[in-house]
Amino acid sequence: SAFFIAIVVVQWADLLVCKTRKLSIFQQGMRNHQLTFAILFETALACILAYTPGTDNGLNMQPILFRWWLPAIPYSLTIFVYDECRKFFMRRNPGGFVERETYY
């Protein structure tokens, strides 16, 4: 259960990172309400799967303490900060090394 929750927490950053290719999330903003709904839905679904009685039998999930949600947050922040820095360097130096090596 804790591993599944960790994947969900890291997917928050992944969803925000994939939102734009070059613009920062702070420049783009969060005007896409489907994306906001997707983050909330993903979190709610994880809560339902982790805390609903009976999922321990079908999915081998067990209720976990809130503190087990926290270890994945530094990894999520690392992914987010890394990609924001990558996008900053791509905007600062168009066609440069960072863009050539990391732009998809």
N, C-alpha and C. Protein backbone atom coordinates (compact mmCIF):
# COMPACT_ATOMS: atom_id res chain seq x y z
N SER A 1 0.81 -1.20 0.00
CA SER A 1 0.00 0.00 0.00
C SER A 1 0.85 1.26 0.00
N ALA A 2 1.92 1.26 0.78
CA ALA A 2 2.77 2.44 0.86
C ALA A 2 3.48 2.68 -0.47
N PHE A 3 3.87 1.62 -1.14
CA PHE A 3 4.53 1.76 -2.44
C PHE A 3 3.55 2.35 -3.46
N PHE A 4 2.32 1.87 -3.45
CA PHE A 4 1.29 2.39 -4.34
C PHE A 4 1.04 3.88 -4.07
N ILE A 5 0.96 4.25 -2.81
CA ILE A 5 0.75 5.66 -2.45
C ILE A 5 1.95 6.50 -2.89
N ALA A 6 3.16 5.96 -2.76
CA ALA A 6 4.35 6.68 -3.21
C ALA A 6 4.30 6.94 -4.71
N ILE A 7 3.83 5.98 -5.47
CA ILE A 7 3.70 6.17 -6.92
C ILE A 7 2.70 7.28 -7.21
N VAL A 8 1.60 7.31 -6.49
CA VAL A 8 0.59 8.35 -6.69
C VAL A 8 1.17 9.73 -6.39
N VAL A 9 1.91 9.85 -5.29
CA VAL A 9 2.49 11.14 -4.91
C VAL A 9 3.50 11.61 -5.95
N VAL A 10 4.31 10.72 -6.47
CA VAL A 10 5.29 11.10 -7.49
C VAL A 10 4.59 11.44 -8.80
N GLN A 11 3.46 10.83 -9.07
CA GLN A 11 2.70 11.14 -10.28
C GLN A 11 2.13 12.55 -10.25
N TRP A 12 1.94 13.12 -9.07
CA TRP A 12 1.52 14.53 -9.00
C TRP A 12 2.54 15.40 -9.71
N ALA A 13 3.80 15.21 -9.38
CA ALA A 13 4.87 16.01 -10.02
C ALA A 13 4.95 15.69 -11.49
N ASP A 14 4.85 14.43 -11.83
CA ASP A 14 4.94 14.04 -13.24
C ASP A 14 3.84 14.69 -14.06
N LEU A 15 2.66 14.76 -13.51
CA LEU A 15 1.55 15.40 -14.22
C LEU A 15 1.81 16.88 -14.44
N LEU A 16 2.35 17.55 -13.45
CA LEU A 16 2.66 18.98 -13.59
C LEU A 16 3.83 19.22 -14.53
N VAL A 17 4.80 18.32 -14.51
CA VAL A 17 5.98 18.44 -15.37
C VAL A 17 5.59 18.27 -16.84
N CYS A 18 4.71 17.36 -17.12
CA CYS A 18 4.31 17.08 -18.51
C CYS A 18 3.31 18.09 -19.05
N LYS A 19 2.89 19.02 -18.23
CA LYS A 19 1.89 20.00 -18.64
C LYS A 19 2.39 20.88 -19.78
N THR A 20 3.63 21.33 -19.70
CA THR A 20 4.21 22.15 -20.76
C THR A 20 5.58 21.61 -21.12
N ARG A 21 6.03 21.94 -22.32
CA ARG A 21 7.34 21.46 -22.75
C ARG A 21 8.46 22.45 -22.46
N LYS A 22 8.15 23.76 -22.53
CA LYS A 22 9.18 24.77 -22.29
C LYS A 22 8.79 25.79 -21.22
N LEU A 23 7.52 26.09 -21.11
CA LEU A 23 7.08 27.10 -20.14
C LEU A 23 7.07 26.52 -18.73
N SER A 24 7.39 27.38 -17.78
CA SER A 24 7.30 26.99 -16.38
C SER A 24 5.83 26.86 -16.00
N ILE A 25 5.55 26.05 -15.00
CA ILE A 25 4.18 25.92 -14.51
C ILE A 25 3.71 27.26 -13.94
N PHE A 26 4.66 28.08 -13.49
CA PHE A 26 4.30 29.38 -12.93
C PHE A 26 3.95 30.38 -14.03
N GLN A 27 4.49 30.21 -15.22
CA GLN A 27 4.12 31.04 -16.36
C GLN A 27 2.81 30.57 -16.98
N GLN A 28 2.65 29.26 -17.07
CA GLN A 28 1.47 28.68 -17.70
C GLN A 28 0.24 28.78 -16.81
N GLY A 29 0.43 28.52 -15.53
CA GLY A 29 -0.70 28.53 -14.61
C GLY A 29 -1.44 27.20 -14.61
N MET A 30 -2.46 27.14 -13.80
CA MET A 30 -3.26 25.91 -13.67
C MET A 30 -4.68 26.17 -14.16
N ARG A 31 -4.79 26.66 -15.37
CA ARG A 31 -6.11 26.95 -15.93
C ARG A 31 -6.80 25.72 -16.49
N ASN A 32 -6.08 24.63 -16.63
CA ASN A 32 -6.66 23.40 -17.16
C ASN A 32 -7.37 22.67 -16.02
N HIS A 33 -8.67 22.82 -15.97
CA HIS A 33 -9.42 22.25 -14.85
C HIS A 33 -9.51 20.73 -14.92
N GLN A 34 -9.37 20.17 -16.10
CA GLN A 34 -9.35 18.70 -16.20
C GLN A 34 -8.10 18.14 -15.52
N LEU A 35 -6.99 18.85 -15.63
CA LEU A 35 -5.75 18.41 -14.98
C LEU A 35 -5.89 18.48 -13.46
N THR A 36 -6.47 19.56 -12.98
CA THR A 36 -6.70 19.69 -11.53
C THR A 36 -7.63 18.58 -11.05
N PHE A 37 -8.68 18.32 -11.81
CA PHE A 37 -9.60 17.23 -11.47
C PHE A 37 -8.87 15.89 -11.48
N ALA A 38 -7.98 15.68 -12.45
CA ALA A 38 -7.25 14.41 -12.55
C ALA A 38 -6.37 14.19 -11.32
N ILE A 39 -5.71 15.23 -10.83
CA ILE A 39 -4.88 15.10 -9.63
C ILE A 39 -5.74 14.75 -8.42
N LEU A 40 -6.86 15.45 -8.28
CA LEU A 40 -7.75 15.17 -7.15
C LEU A 40 -8.37 13.78 -7.26
N PHE A 41 -8.76 13.39 -8.48
CA PHE A 41 -9.35 12.07 -8.68
C PHE A 41 -8.34 10.97 -8.39
N GLU A 42 -7.11 11.14 -8.84
CA GLU A 42 -6.06 10.15 -8.60
C GLU A 42 -5.83 9.97 -7.10
N THR A 43 -5.81 11.09 -6.38
CA THR A 43 -5.61 11.04 -4.94
C THR A 43 -6.80 10.38 -4.24
N ALA A 44 -8.00 10.75 -4.66
CA ALA A 44 -9.21 10.16 -4.06
C ALA A 44 -9.27 8.66 -4.34
N LEU A 45 -8.92 8.26 -5.55
CA LEU A 45 -8.93 6.84 -5.88
C LEU A 45 -7.90 6.07 -5.05
N ALA A 46 -6.74 6.67 -4.84
CA ALA A 46 -5.72 6.03 -4.00
C ALA A 46 -6.24 5.87 -2.57
N CYS A 47 -6.93 6.90 -2.07
CA CYS A 47 -7.50 6.81 -0.72
C CYS A 47 -8.56 5.72 -0.65
N ILE A 48 -9.40 5.66 -1.65
CA ILE A 48 -10.45 4.64 -1.68
C ILE A 48 -9.84 3.25 -1.69
N LEU A 49 -8.84 3.06 -2.55
CA LEU A 49 -8.21 1.74 -2.64
C LEU A 49 -7.45 1.37 -1.38
N ALA A 50 -6.85 2.36 -0.72
CA ALA A 50 -6.05 2.07 0.46
C ALA A 50 -6.88 1.90 1.72
N TYR A 51 -8.00 2.60 1.82
CA TYR A 51 -8.73 2.63 3.08
C TYR A 51 -10.09 1.95 3.06
N THR A 52 -10.54 1.47 1.92
CA THR A 52 -11.83 0.79 1.86
C THR A 52 -11.70 -0.65 2.37
N PRO A 53 -12.57 -1.04 3.30
CA PRO A 53 -12.52 -2.43 3.76
C PRO A 53 -12.79 -3.40 2.60
N GLY A 54 -12.06 -4.46 2.57
CA GLY A 54 -12.23 -5.46 1.52
C GLY A 54 -11.14 -5.41 0.48
N THR A 55 -10.47 -4.28 0.33
CA THR A 55 -9.39 -4.22 -0.66
C THR A 55 -8.17 -5.00 -0.20
N ASP A 56 -8.12 -5.32 1.10
CA ASP A 56 -7.01 -6.13 1.59
C ASP A 56 -7.09 -7.54 1.02
N ASN A 57 -8.29 -8.01 0.73
CA ASN A 57 -8.44 -9.34 0.14
C ASN A 57 -8.22 -9.33 -1.36
N GLY A 58 -8.88 -8.42 -2.05
CA GLY A 58 -8.83 -8.41 -3.51
C GLY A 58 -7.55 -7.85 -4.09
N LEU A 59 -7.02 -6.79 -3.49
CA LEU A 59 -5.84 -6.11 -4.05
C LEU A 59 -4.62 -6.17 -3.14
N ASN A 60 -4.76 -6.85 -1.99
CA ASN A 60 -3.68 -6.95 -1.02
C ASN A 60 -3.25 -5.56 -0.53
N MET A 61 -4.23 -4.68 -0.36
CA MET A 61 -3.97 -3.32 0.14
C MET A 61 -4.35 -3.29 1.61
N GLN A 62 -3.62 -2.48 2.36
CA GLN A 62 -3.92 -2.30 3.77
C GLN A 62 -3.95 -0.82 4.09
N PRO A 63 -4.80 -0.41 5.01
CA PRO A 63 -4.79 1.00 5.41
C PRO A 63 -3.43 1.37 5.98
N ILE A 64 -2.94 2.55 5.61
CA ILE A 64 -1.64 2.99 6.09
C ILE A 64 -1.80 4.32 6.82
N LEU A 65 -0.89 4.61 7.69
CA LEU A 65 -0.90 5.88 8.41
C LEU A 65 -0.53 7.00 7.46
N PHE A 66 -0.97 8.21 7.81
CA PHE A 66 -0.68 9.35 6.96
C PHE A 66 0.82 9.57 6.80
N ARG A 67 1.60 9.26 7.80
CA ARG A 67 3.05 9.50 7.71
C ARG A 67 3.70 8.69 6.61
N TRP A 68 3.05 7.63 6.12
CA TRP A 68 3.60 6.83 5.03
C TRP A 68 3.32 7.46 3.67
N TRP A 69 2.53 8.53 3.64
CA TRP A 69 2.37 9.33 2.42
C TRP A 69 3.55 10.27 2.23
N LEU A 70 4.23 10.60 3.31
CA LEU A 70 5.25 11.65 3.29
C LEU A 70 6.61 11.28 2.68
N PRO A 71 7.11 10.05 2.77
CA PRO A 71 8.44 9.77 2.22
C PRO A 71 8.58 10.02 0.72
N ALA A 72 7.51 9.97 -0.04
CA ALA A 72 7.60 10.18 -1.49
C ALA A 72 7.63 11.66 -1.86
N ILE A 73 7.28 12.54 -0.95
CA ILE A 73 7.21 13.97 -1.28
C ILE A 73 8.57 14.55 -1.70
N PRO A 74 9.68 14.22 -1.03
CA PRO A 74 10.97 14.74 -1.52
C PRO A 74 11.29 14.31 -2.95
N TYR A 75 10.94 13.10 -3.31
CA TYR A 75 11.19 12.64 -4.68
C TYR A 75 10.31 13.40 -5.67
N SER A 76 9.08 13.63 -5.28
CA SER A 76 8.17 14.41 -6.11
C SER A 76 8.69 15.83 -6.31
N LEU A 77 9.15 16.44 -5.24
CA LEU A 77 9.71 17.79 -5.32
C LEU A 77 10.99 17.81 -6.16
N THR A 78 11.80 16.79 -6.04
CA THR A 78 13.03 16.71 -6.84
C THR A 78 12.72 16.66 -8.33
N ILE A 79 11.75 15.85 -8.70
CA ILE A 79 11.35 15.76 -10.11
C ILE A 79 10.84 17.11 -10.59
N PHE A 80 10.01 17.75 -9.79
CA PHE A 80 9.43 19.03 -10.18
C PHE A 80 10.50 20.11 -10.32
N VAL A 81 11.39 20.24 -9.34
CA VAL A 81 12.43 21.27 -9.36
C VAL A 81 13.40 21.01 -10.51
N TYR A 82 13.78 19.75 -10.72
CA TYR A 82 14.69 19.41 -11.82
C TYR A 82 14.10 19.86 -13.16
N ASP A 83 12.82 19.55 -13.38
CA ASP A 83 12.23 19.89 -14.67
C ASP A 83 12.03 21.39 -14.82
N GLU A 84 11.71 22.09 -13.74
CA GLU A 84 11.60 23.55 -13.82
C GLU A 84 12.96 24.17 -14.17
N CYS A 85 14.04 23.63 -13.59
CA CYS A 85 15.39 24.12 -13.93
C CYS A 85 15.71 23.81 -15.39
N ARG A 86 15.37 22.62 -15.84
CA ARG A 86 15.61 22.24 -17.23
C ARG A 86 14.87 23.18 -18.18
N LYS A 87 13.63 23.47 -17.88
CA LYS A 87 12.86 24.38 -18.73
C LYS A 87 13.43 25.79 -18.68
N PHE A 88 13.92 26.23 -17.52
CA PHE A 88 14.54 27.55 -17.40
C PHE A 88 15.77 27.65 -18.31
N PHE A 89 16.62 26.64 -18.27
CA PHE A 89 17.82 26.67 -19.11
C PHE A 89 17.49 26.56 -20.59
N MET A 90 16.42 25.86 -20.93
CA MET A 90 16.00 25.79 -22.33
C MET A 90 15.49 27.14 -22.81
N ARG A 91 14.76 27.87 -21.97
CA ARG A 91 14.27 29.19 -22.36
C ARG A 91 15.41 30.20 -22.40
N ARG A 92 16.36 30.06 -21.51
CA ARG A 92 17.48 31.00 -21.44
C ARG A 92 18.46 30.83 -22.59
N ASN A 93 18.63 29.60 -23.06
CA ASN A 93 19.58 29.31 -24.12
C ASN A 93 18.90 28.43 -25.17
N PRO A 94 18.05 29.00 -26.03
CA PRO A 94 17.34 28.19 -27.04
C PRO A 94 18.32 27.51 -27.99
N GLY A 95 18.07 26.25 -28.25
CA GLY A 95 18.93 25.49 -29.15
C GLY A 95 20.24 25.05 -28.52
N GLY A 96 20.41 25.30 -27.22
CA GLY A 96 21.65 24.97 -26.53
C GLY A 96 21.72 23.50 -26.14
N PHE A 97 22.73 23.20 -25.35
CA PHE A 97 23.01 21.82 -24.95
C PHE A 97 21.82 21.18 -24.24
N VAL A 98 21.25 21.89 -23.28
CA VAL A 98 20.15 21.32 -22.50
C VAL A 98 18.97 21.00 -23.41
N GLU A 99 18.65 21.88 -24.32
CA GLU A 99 17.53 21.62 -25.23
C GLU A 99 17.84 20.46 -26.16
N ARG A 100 19.04 20.42 -26.69
CA ARG A 100 19.40 19.32 -27.60
C ARG A 100 19.37 17.96 -26.91
N GLU A 101 19.78 17.92 -25.66
CA GLU A 101 19.91 16.64 -24.96
C GLU A 101 18.64 16.20 -24.22
N THR A 102 17.77 17.15 -23.87
CA THR A 102 16.63 16.77 -23.04
C THR A 102 15.27 17.08 -23.65
N TYR A 103 15.22 17.81 -24.73
CA TYR A 103 13.94 18.19 -25.30
C TYR A 103 13.41 17.03 -26.13
N TYR A 104 12.18 16.71 -25.98
CA TYR A 104 11.58 15.59 -26.70
C TYR A 104 10.68 16.06 -27.80
